[in-house]
């Protein structure tokens, strides 16, 4: 495949530099359609999703732990204040 611009690639059938990849036959170059028909596009899309969900998961776990610690500290201070009075 030959790079034209970021959203357009041109298929080259006459020149193969390495082993033939049948994934290139599944790929489409339509501007109006997102192509996830080939395995390479699917793998890239899934990889991106996994990275984003991992970052979101780390953020949510960190937020949950910090909220639990804050509530626990608030509880301890409230009970300490009641016990001291």
PDB file of N, CA and C in Angstrom:
ATOM      1  N   UNK A   1       0.842  -1.167   0.000  1.00  0.00           N
ATOM      2  CA  UNK A   1       0.000   0.000   0.000  1.00  0.00           C
ATOM      3  C   UNK A   1       0.888   1.231   0.000  1.00  0.00           C
ATOM      4  N   UNK A   2       0.400   2.232  -0.670  1.00  0.00           N
ATOM      5  CA  UNK A   2       1.163   3.470  -0.784  1.00  0.00           C
ATOM      6  C   UNK A   2       0.417   4.581  -0.063  1.00  0.00           C
ATOM      7  N   UNK A   3       1.131   5.313   0.780  1.00  0.00           N
ATOM      8  CA  UNK A   3       0.570   6.407   1.572  1.00  0.00           C
ATOM      9  C   UNK A   3       0.309   7.607   0.668  1.00  0.00           C
ATOM     10  N   UNK A   4      -0.926   8.112   0.676  1.00  0.00           N
ATOM     11  CA  UNK A   4      -1.260   9.339  -0.047  1.00  0.00           C
ATOM     12  C   UNK A   4      -1.418  10.475   0.948  1.00  0.00           C
ATOM     13  N   UNK A   5      -2.333  10.335   1.892  1.00  0.00           N
ATOM     14  CA  UNK A   5      -2.462  11.265   3.009  1.00  0.00           C
ATOM     15  C   UNK A   5      -2.980  10.491   4.212  1.00  0.00           C
ATOM     16  N   UNK A   6      -3.339  11.196   5.271  1.00  0.00           N
ATOM     17  CA  UNK A   6      -3.669  10.516   6.520  1.00  0.00           C
ATOM     18  C   UNK A   6      -4.911   9.638   6.427  1.00  0.00           C
ATOM     19  N   UNK A   7      -5.832   9.965   5.525  1.00  0.00           N
ATOM     20  CA  UNK A   7      -7.062   9.176   5.414  1.00  0.00           C
ATOM     21  C   UNK A   7      -7.161   8.403   4.112  1.00  0.00           C
ATOM     22  N   UNK A   8      -6.155   8.440   3.294  1.00  0.00           N
ATOM     23  CA  UNK A   8      -6.249   7.780   1.991  1.00  0.00           C
ATOM     24  C   UNK A   8      -4.966   7.017   1.694  1.00  0.00           C
ATOM     25  N   UNK A   9      -5.119   5.749   1.365  1.00  0.00           N
ATOM     26  CA  UNK A   9      -4.013   4.894   0.961  1.00  0.00           C
ATOM     27  C   UNK A   9      -4.357   4.309  -0.395  1.00  0.00           C
ATOM     28  N   UNK A  10      -3.365   4.047  -1.169  1.00  0.00           N
ATOM     29  CA  UNK A  10      -3.572   3.480  -2.496  1.00  0.00           C
ATOM     30  C   UNK A  10      -3.037   2.057  -2.519  1.00  0.00           C
ATOM     31  N   UNK A  11      -3.873   1.143  -3.002  1.00  0.00           N
ATOM     32  CA  UNK A  11      -3.441  -0.249  -3.093  1.00  0.00           C
ATOM     33  C   UNK A  11      -2.529  -0.424  -4.299  1.00  0.00           C
ATOM     34  N   UNK A  12      -1.424  -1.117  -4.072  1.00  0.00           N
ATOM     35  CA  UNK A  12      -0.504  -1.422  -5.166  1.00  0.00           C
ATOM     36  C   UNK A  12      -0.504  -2.930  -5.352  1.00  0.00           C
ATOM     37  N   UNK A  13      -0.938  -3.374  -6.507  1.00  0.00           N
ATOM     38  CA  UNK A  13      -1.025  -4.813  -6.761  1.00  0.00           C
ATOM     39  C   UNK A  13       0.213  -5.357  -7.465  1.00  0.00           C
ATOM     40  N   UNK A  14       0.946  -4.505  -8.146  1.00  0.00           N
ATOM     41  CA  UNK A  14       2.050  -5.002  -8.964  1.00  0.00           C
ATOM     42  C   UNK A  14       3.362  -5.185  -8.201  1.00  0.00           C
ATOM     43  N   UNK A  15       3.516  -4.502  -7.093  1.00  0.00           N
ATOM     44  CA  UNK A  15       4.794  -4.524  -6.394  1.00  0.00           C
ATOM     45  C   UNK A  15       4.599  -5.007  -4.963  1.00  0.00           C
ATOM     46  N   UNK A  16       5.227  -6.114  -4.606  1.00  0.00           N
ATOM     47  CA  UNK A  16       5.153  -6.642  -3.251  1.00  0.00           C
ATOM     48  C   UNK A  16       6.572  -6.728  -2.706  1.00  0.00           C
ATOM     49  N   UNK A  17       6.759  -6.092  -1.562  1.00  0.00           N
ATOM     50  CA  UNK A  17       8.087  -6.099  -0.947  1.00  0.00           C
ATOM     51  C   UNK A  17       8.307  -7.318  -0.062  1.00  0.00           C
ATOM     52  N   UNK A  18       7.242  -7.907   0.430  1.00  0.00           N
ATOM     53  CA  UNK A  18       7.365  -9.045   1.341  1.00  0.00           C
ATOM     54  C   UNK A  18       6.291 -10.054   1.035  1.00  0.00           C
ATOM     55  N   UNK A  19       5.978 -10.881   2.012  1.00  0.00           N
ATOM     56  CA  UNK A  19       4.916 -11.872   1.795  1.00  0.00           C
ATOM     57  C   UNK A  19       3.568 -11.174   1.597  1.00  0.00           C
ATOM     58  N   UNK A  20       2.719 -11.790   0.803  1.00  0.00           N
ATOM     59  CA  UNK A  20       1.425 -11.197   0.490  1.00  0.00           C
ATOM     60  C   UNK A  20       0.518 -11.252   1.713  1.00  0.00           C
ATOM     61  N   UNK A  21      -0.085 -10.135   2.027  1.00  0.00           N
ATOM     62  CA  UNK A  21      -0.970 -10.019   3.174  1.00  0.00           C
ATOM     63  C   UNK A  21      -2.410  -9.959   2.679  1.00  0.00           C
ATOM     64  N   UNK A  22      -3.199 -10.975   2.998  1.00  0.00           N
ATOM     65  CA  UNK A  22      -4.588 -11.000   2.548  1.00  0.00           C
ATOM     66  C   UNK A  22      -5.438  -9.981   3.287  1.00  0.00           C
ATOM     67  N   UNK A  23      -4.921  -9.428   4.351  1.00  0.00           N
ATOM     68  CA  UNK A  23      -5.621  -8.390   5.086  1.00  0.00           C
ATOM     69  C   UNK A  23      -5.836  -7.148   4.216  1.00  0.00           C
ATOM     70  N   UNK A  24      -4.919  -6.905   3.307  1.00  0.00           N
ATOM     71  CA  UNK A  24      -5.027  -5.729   2.446  1.00  0.00           C
ATOM     72  C   UNK A  24      -6.207  -5.833   1.477  1.00  0.00           C
ATOM     73  N   UNK A  25      -6.636  -7.037   1.137  1.00  0.00           N
ATOM     74  CA  UNK A  25      -7.790  -7.193   0.255  1.00  0.00           C
ATOM     75  C   UNK A  25      -9.093  -6.845   0.963  1.00  0.00           C
ATOM     76  N   UNK A  26      -9.140  -7.001   2.276  1.00  0.00           N
ATOM     77  CA  UNK A  26     -10.344  -6.691   3.039  1.00  0.00           C
ATOM     78  C   UNK A  26     -10.497  -5.197   3.299  1.00  0.00           C
ATOM     79  N   UNK A  27      -9.403  -4.471   3.252  1.00  0.00           N
ATOM     80  CA  UNK A  27      -9.388  -3.060   3.590  1.00  0.00           C
ATOM     81  C   UNK A  27     -10.104  -2.239   2.534  1.00  0.00           C
ATOM     82  N   UNK A  28     -10.863  -1.213   2.960  1.00  0.00           N
ATOM     83  CA  UNK A  28     -11.578  -0.330   2.052  1.00  0.00           C
ATOM     84  C   UNK A  28     -11.103   1.096   2.240  1.00  0.00           C
ATOM     85  N   UNK A  29     -11.167   1.864   1.173  1.00  0.00           N
ATOM     86  CA  UNK A  29     -10.658   3.229   1.185  1.00  0.00           C
ATOM     87  C   UNK A  29     -11.790   4.231   0.966  1.00  0.00           C
ATOM     88  N   UNK A  30     -12.947   3.982   1.567  1.00  0.00           N
ATOM     89  CA  UNK A  30     -14.074   4.886   1.409  1.00  0.00           C
ATOM     90  C   UNK A  30     -14.024   5.956   2.496  1.00  0.00           C
ATOM     91  N   UNK A  31     -14.190   7.201   2.074  1.00  0.00           N
ATOM     92  CA  UNK A  31     -14.137   8.302   3.027  1.00  0.00           C
ATOM     93  C   UNK A  31     -15.368   8.303   3.923  1.00  0.00           C
ATOM     94  N   UNK A  32     -16.502   7.874   3.410  1.00  0.00           N
ATOM     95  CA  UNK A  32     -17.750   7.914   4.170  1.00  0.00           C
ATOM     96  C   UNK A  32     -17.905   6.745   5.134  1.00  0.00           C
ATOM     97  N   UNK A  33     -17.005   5.780   5.111  1.00  0.00           N
ATOM     98  CA  UNK A  33     -17.135   4.590   5.951  1.00  0.00           C
ATOM     99  C   UNK A  33     -15.846   4.338   6.718  1.00  0.00           C
ATOM    100  N   UNK A  34     -15.981   4.138   8.030  1.00  0.00           N
ATOM    101  CA  UNK A  34     -14.823   3.723   8.813  1.00  0.00           C
ATOM    102  C   UNK A  34     -14.588   2.244   8.560  1.00  0.00           C
ATOM    103  N   UNK A  35     -13.387   1.896   8.204  1.00  0.00           N
ATOM    104  CA  UNK A  35     -13.092   0.513   7.834  1.00  0.00           C
ATOM    105  C   UNK A  35     -12.488  -0.225   9.023  1.00  0.00           C
ATOM    106  N   UNK A  36     -13.209  -1.202   9.523  1.00  0.00           N
ATOM    107  CA  UNK A  36     -12.675  -2.118  10.518  1.00  0.00           C
ATOM    108  C   UNK A  36     -12.816  -3.539  10.012  1.00  0.00           C
ATOM    109  N   UNK A  37     -12.825  -3.706   8.699  1.00  0.00           N
ATOM    110  CA  UNK A  37     -12.993  -5.022   8.106  1.00  0.00           C
ATOM    111  C   UNK A  37     -11.735  -5.861   8.156  1.00  0.00           C
ATOM    112  N   UNK A  38     -10.580  -5.232   8.184  1.00  0.00           N
ATOM    113  CA  UNK A  38      -9.339  -6.005   8.209  1.00  0.00           C
ATOM    114  C   UNK A  38      -8.879  -6.207   9.649  1.00  0.00           C
ATOM    115  N   UNK A  39      -8.089  -7.228   9.845  1.00  0.00           N
ATOM    116  CA  UNK A  39      -7.645  -7.577  11.196  1.00  0.00           C
ATOM    117  C   UNK A  39      -6.696  -6.539  11.778  1.00  0.00           C
ATOM    118  N   UNK A  40      -5.916  -5.887  10.949  1.00  0.00           N
ATOM    119  CA  UNK A  40      -4.986  -4.877  11.435  1.00  0.00           C
ATOM    120  C   UNK A  40      -5.735  -3.698  12.033  1.00  0.00           C
ATOM    121  N   UNK A  41      -6.802  -3.248  11.358  1.00  0.00           N
ATOM    122  CA  UNK A  41      -7.609  -2.138  11.888  1.00  0.00           C
ATOM    123  C   UNK A  41      -8.282  -2.538  13.189  1.00  0.00           C
ATOM    124  N   UNK A  42      -8.777  -3.750  13.246  1.00  0.00           N
ATOM    125  CA  UNK A  42      -9.432  -4.228  14.466  1.00  0.00           C
ATOM    126  C   UNK A  42      -8.459  -4.285  15.635  1.00  0.00           C
ATOM    127  N   UNK A  43      -7.270  -4.811  15.374  1.00  0.00           N
ATOM    128  CA  UNK A  43      -6.268  -4.904  16.443  1.00  0.00           C
ATOM    129  C   UNK A  43      -5.871  -3.526  16.943  1.00  0.00           C
ATOM    130  N   UNK A  44      -5.696  -2.580  16.031  1.00  0.00           N
ATOM    131  CA  UNK A  44      -5.344  -1.218  16.433  1.00  0.00           C
ATOM    132  C   UNK A  44      -6.449  -0.561  17.229  1.00  0.00           C
ATOM    133  N   UNK A  45      -7.697  -0.747  16.807  1.00  0.00           N
ATOM    134  CA  UNK A  45      -8.835  -0.175  17.506  1.00  0.00           C
ATOM    135  C   UNK A  45      -8.981  -0.773  18.899  1.00  0.00           C
ATOM    136  N   UNK A  46      -8.869  -2.094  19.006  1.00  0.00           N
ATOM    137  CA  UNK A  46      -8.979  -2.758  20.308  1.00  0.00           C
ATOM    138  C   UNK A  46      -7.831  -2.349  21.224  1.00  0.00           C
ATOM    139  N   UNK A  47      -6.643  -2.214  20.677  1.00  0.00           N
ATOM    140  CA  UNK A  47      -5.492  -1.787  21.478  1.00  0.00           C
ATOM    141  C   UNK A  47      -5.710  -0.389  22.050  1.00  0.00           C
ATOM    142  N   UNK A  48      -6.225   0.512  21.224  1.00  0.00           N
ATOM    143  CA  UNK A  48      -6.508   1.868  21.688  1.00  0.00           C
ATOM    144  C   UNK A  48      -7.576   1.855  22.776  1.00  0.00           C
ATOM    145  N   UNK A  49      -8.626   1.065  22.580  1.00  0.00           N
ATOM    146  CA  UNK A  49      -9.680   0.969  23.594  1.00  0.00           C
ATOM    147  C   UNK A  49      -9.150   0.425  24.908  1.00  0.00           C
ATOM    148  N   UNK A  50      -8.316  -0.597  24.826  1.00  0.00           N
ATOM    149  CA  UNK A  50      -7.761  -1.186  26.053  1.00  0.00           C
ATOM    150  C   UNK A  50      -6.933  -0.167  26.818  1.00  0.00           C
ATOM    151  N   UNK A  51      -6.114   0.609  26.115  1.00  0.00           N
ATOM    152  CA  UNK A  51      -5.289   1.619  26.776  1.00  0.00           C
ATOM    153  C   UNK A  51      -6.155   2.674  27.461  1.00  0.00           C
ATOM    154  N   UNK A  52      -7.197   3.125  26.773  1.00  0.00           N
ATOM    155  CA  UNK A  52      -8.058   4.150  27.351  1.00  0.00           C
ATOM    156  C   UNK A  52      -8.841   3.611  28.550  1.00  0.00           C
ATOM    157  N   UNK A  53      -9.364   2.388  28.452  1.00  0.00           N
ATOM    158  CA  UNK A  53     -10.105   1.805  29.564  1.00  0.00           C
ATOM    159  C   UNK A  53      -9.191   1.520  30.738  1.00  0.00           C
ATOM    160  N   UNK A  54      -7.929   1.154  30.476  1.00  0.00           N
ATOM    161  CA  UNK A  54      -6.982   0.914  31.564  1.00  0.00           C
ATOM    162  C   UNK A  54      -6.733   2.212  32.333  1.00  0.00           C
ATOM    163  N   UNK A  55      -6.509   3.304  31.590  1.00  0.00           N
ATOM    164  CA  UNK A  55      -6.281   4.597  32.246  1.00  0.00           C
ATOM    165  C   UNK A  55      -7.508   5.024  33.039  1.00  0.00           C
ATOM    166  N   UNK A  56      -8.695   4.818  32.474  1.00  0.00           N
ATOM    167  CA  UNK A  56      -9.919   5.156  33.188  1.00  0.00           C
ATOM    168  C   UNK A  56     -10.077   4.296  34.432  1.00  0.00           C
ATOM    169  N   UNK A  57      -9.750   3.015  34.335  1.00  0.00           N
ATOM    170  CA  UNK A  57      -9.842   2.117  35.479  1.00  0.00           C
ATOM    171  C   UNK A  57      -8.908   2.526  36.601  1.00  0.00           C
ATOM    172  N   UNK A  58      -7.686   2.889  36.252  1.00  0.00           N
ATOM    173  CA  UNK A  58      -6.724   3.342  37.268  1.00  0.00           C
ATOM    174  C   UNK A  58      -7.244   4.607  37.945  1.00  0.00           C
ATOM    175  N   UNK A  59      -7.780   5.521  37.170  1.00  0.00           N
ATOM    176  CA  UNK A  59      -8.330   6.757  37.727  1.00  0.00           C
ATOM    177  C   UNK A  59      -9.488   6.456  38.677  1.00  0.00           C
ATOM    178  N   UNK A  60     -10.402   5.581  38.263  1.00  0.00           N
ATOM    179  CA  UNK A  60     -11.560   5.278  39.100  1.00  0.00           C
ATOM    180  C   UNK A  60     -11.177   4.552  40.386  1.00  0.00           C
ATOM    181  N   UNK A  61     -10.218   3.646  40.311  1.00  0.00           N
ATOM    182  CA  UNK A  61      -9.759   2.951  41.521  1.00  0.00           C
ATOM    183  C   UNK A  61      -9.089   3.939  42.468  1.00  0.00           C
ATOM    184  N   UNK A  62      -8.266   4.834  41.941  1.00  0.00           N
ATOM    185  CA  UNK A  62      -7.608   5.851  42.765  1.00  0.00           C
ATOM    186  C   UNK A  62      -8.639   6.770  43.418  1.00  0.00           C
ATOM    187  N   UNK A  63      -9.626   7.178  42.657  1.00  0.00           N
ATOM    188  CA  UNK A  63     -10.686   8.036  43.190  1.00  0.00           C
ATOM    189  C   UNK A  63     -11.474   7.317  44.278  1.00  0.00           C
ATOM    190  N   UNK A  64     -11.788   6.054  44.078  1.00  0.00           N
ATOM    191  CA  UNK A  64     -12.532   5.279  45.068  1.00  0.00           C
ATOM    192  C   UNK A  64     -11.742   5.144  46.363  1.00  0.00           C
ATOM    193  N   UNK A  65     -10.481   4.827  46.249  1.00  0.00           N
ATOM    194  CA  UNK A  65      -9.640   4.676  47.447  1.00  0.00           C
ATOM    195  C   UNK A  65      -9.534   5.999  48.194  1.00  0.00           C
ATOM    196  N   UNK A  66      -9.346   7.093  47.467  1.00  0.00           N
ATOM    197  CA  UNK A  66      -9.244   8.394  48.145  1.00  0.00           C
ATOM    198  C   UNK A  66     -10.557   8.782  48.820  1.00  0.00           C
ATOM    199  N   UNK A  67     -11.702   8.475  48.207  1.00  0.00           N
ATOM    200  CA  UNK A  67     -12.990   8.761  48.843  1.00  0.00           C
ATOM    201  C   UNK A  67     -13.200   7.918  50.093  1.00  0.00           C
ATOM    202  N   UNK A  68     -12.805   6.656  50.053  1.00  0.00           N
ATOM    203  CA  UNK A  68     -12.930   5.792  51.236  1.00  0.00           C
ATOM    204  C   UNK A  68     -12.067   6.317  52.368  1.00  0.00           C
ATOM    205  N   UNK A  69     -10.838   6.722  52.059  1.00  0.00           N
ATOM    206  CA  UNK A  69      -9.938   7.254  53.085  1.00  0.00           C
ATOM    207  C   UNK A  69     -10.497   8.553  53.667  1.00  0.00           C
ATOM    208  N   UNK A  70     -11.033   9.425  52.820  1.00  0.00           N
ATOM    209  CA  UNK A  70     -11.605  10.684  53.310  1.00  0.00           C
ATOM    210  C   UNK A  70     -12.797  10.434  54.224  1.00  0.00           C
ATOM    211  N   UNK A  71     -13.680   9.517  53.830  1.00  0.00           N
ATOM    212  CA  UNK A  71     -14.832   9.206  54.672  1.00  0.00           C
ATOM    213  C   UNK A  71     -14.405   8.545  55.980  1.00  0.00           C
ATOM    214  N   UNK A  72     -13.410   7.700  55.912  1.00  0.00           N
ATOM    215  CA  UNK A  72     -12.912   7.060  57.128  1.00  0.00           C
ATOM    216  C   UNK A  72     -12.314   8.097  58.080  1.00  0.00           C
ATOM    217  N   UNK A  73     -11.528   9.025  57.548  1.00  0.00           N
ATOM    218  CA  UNK A  73     -10.957  10.082  58.382  1.00  0.00           C
ATOM    219  C   UNK A  73     -12.044  10.972  58.977  1.00  0.00           C
ATOM    220  N   UNK A  74     -13.058  11.290  58.208  1.00  0.00           N
ATOM    221  CA  UNK A  74     -14.166  12.088  58.718  1.00  0.00           C
ATOM    222  C   UNK A  74     -14.895  11.348  59.842  1.00  0.00           C
ATOM    223  N   UNK A  75     -15.095  10.056  59.678  1.00  0.00           N
ATOM    224  CA  UNK A  75     -15.735   9.247  60.708  1.00  0.00           C
ATOM    225  C   UNK A  75     -14.890   9.224  61.983  1.00  0.00           C
ATOM    226  N   UNK A  76     -13.584   9.003  61.840  1.00  0.00           N
ATOM    227  CA  UNK A  76     -12.690   8.941  62.997  1.00  0.00           C
ATOM    228  C   UNK A  76     -12.669  10.273  63.731  1.00  0.00           C
ATOM    229  N   UNK A  77     -12.598  11.375  63.007  1.00  0.00           N
ATOM    230  CA  UNK A  77     -12.574  12.705  63.647  1.00  0.00           C
ATOM    231  C   UNK A  77     -13.897  12.971  64.343  1.00  0.00           C
ATOM    232  N   UNK A  78     -15.009  12.600  63.726  1.00  0.00           N
ATOM    233  CA  UNK A  78     -16.323  12.809  64.353  1.00  0.00           C
ATOM    234  C   UNK A  78     -16.455  11.988  65.627  1.00  0.00           C
ATOM    235  N   UNK A  79     -16.055  10.731  65.575  1.00  0.00           N
ATOM    236  CA  UNK A  79     -16.141   9.893  66.782  1.00  0.00           C
ATOM    237  C   UNK A  79     -15.184  10.371  67.856  1.00  0.00           C
ATOM    238  N   UNK A  80     -14.021  10.842  67.480  1.00  0.00           N
ATOM    239  CA  UNK A  80     -13.047  11.340  68.440  1.00  0.00           C
ATOM    240  C   UNK A  80     -13.590  12.587  69.124  1.00  0.00           C
ATOM    241  N   UNK A  81     -14.240  13.454  68.358  1.00  0.00           N
ATOM    242  CA  UNK A  81     -14.819  14.681  68.901  1.00  0.00           C
ATOM    243  C   UNK A  81     -15.965  14.342  69.866  1.00  0.00           C
ATOM    244  N   UNK A  82     -16.804  13.396  69.505  1.00  0.00           N
ATOM    245  CA  UNK A  82     -17.907  12.993  70.387  1.00  0.00           C
ATOM    246  C   UNK A  82     -17.385  12.332  71.657  1.00  0.00           C
ATOM    247  N   UNK A  83     -16.341  11.531  71.522  1.00  0.00           N
ATOM    248  CA  UNK A  83     -15.796  10.829  72.678  1.00  0.00           C
ATOM    249  C   UNK A  83     -15.076  11.815  73.620  1.00  0.00           C
ATOM    250  N   UNK A  84     -14.444  12.823  73.054  1.00  0.00           N
ATOM    251  CA  UNK A  84     -13.712  13.800  73.873  1.00  0.00           C
ATOM    252  C   UNK A  84     -14.667  14.721  74.616  1.00  0.00           C
ATOM    253  N   UNK A  85     -15.860  14.913  74.100  1.00  0.00           N
ATOM    254  CA  UNK A  85     -16.805  15.845  74.745  1.00  0.00           C
ATOM    255  C   UNK A  85     -17.475  15.269  75.941  1.00  0.00           C
TER     256      UNK A  85
END
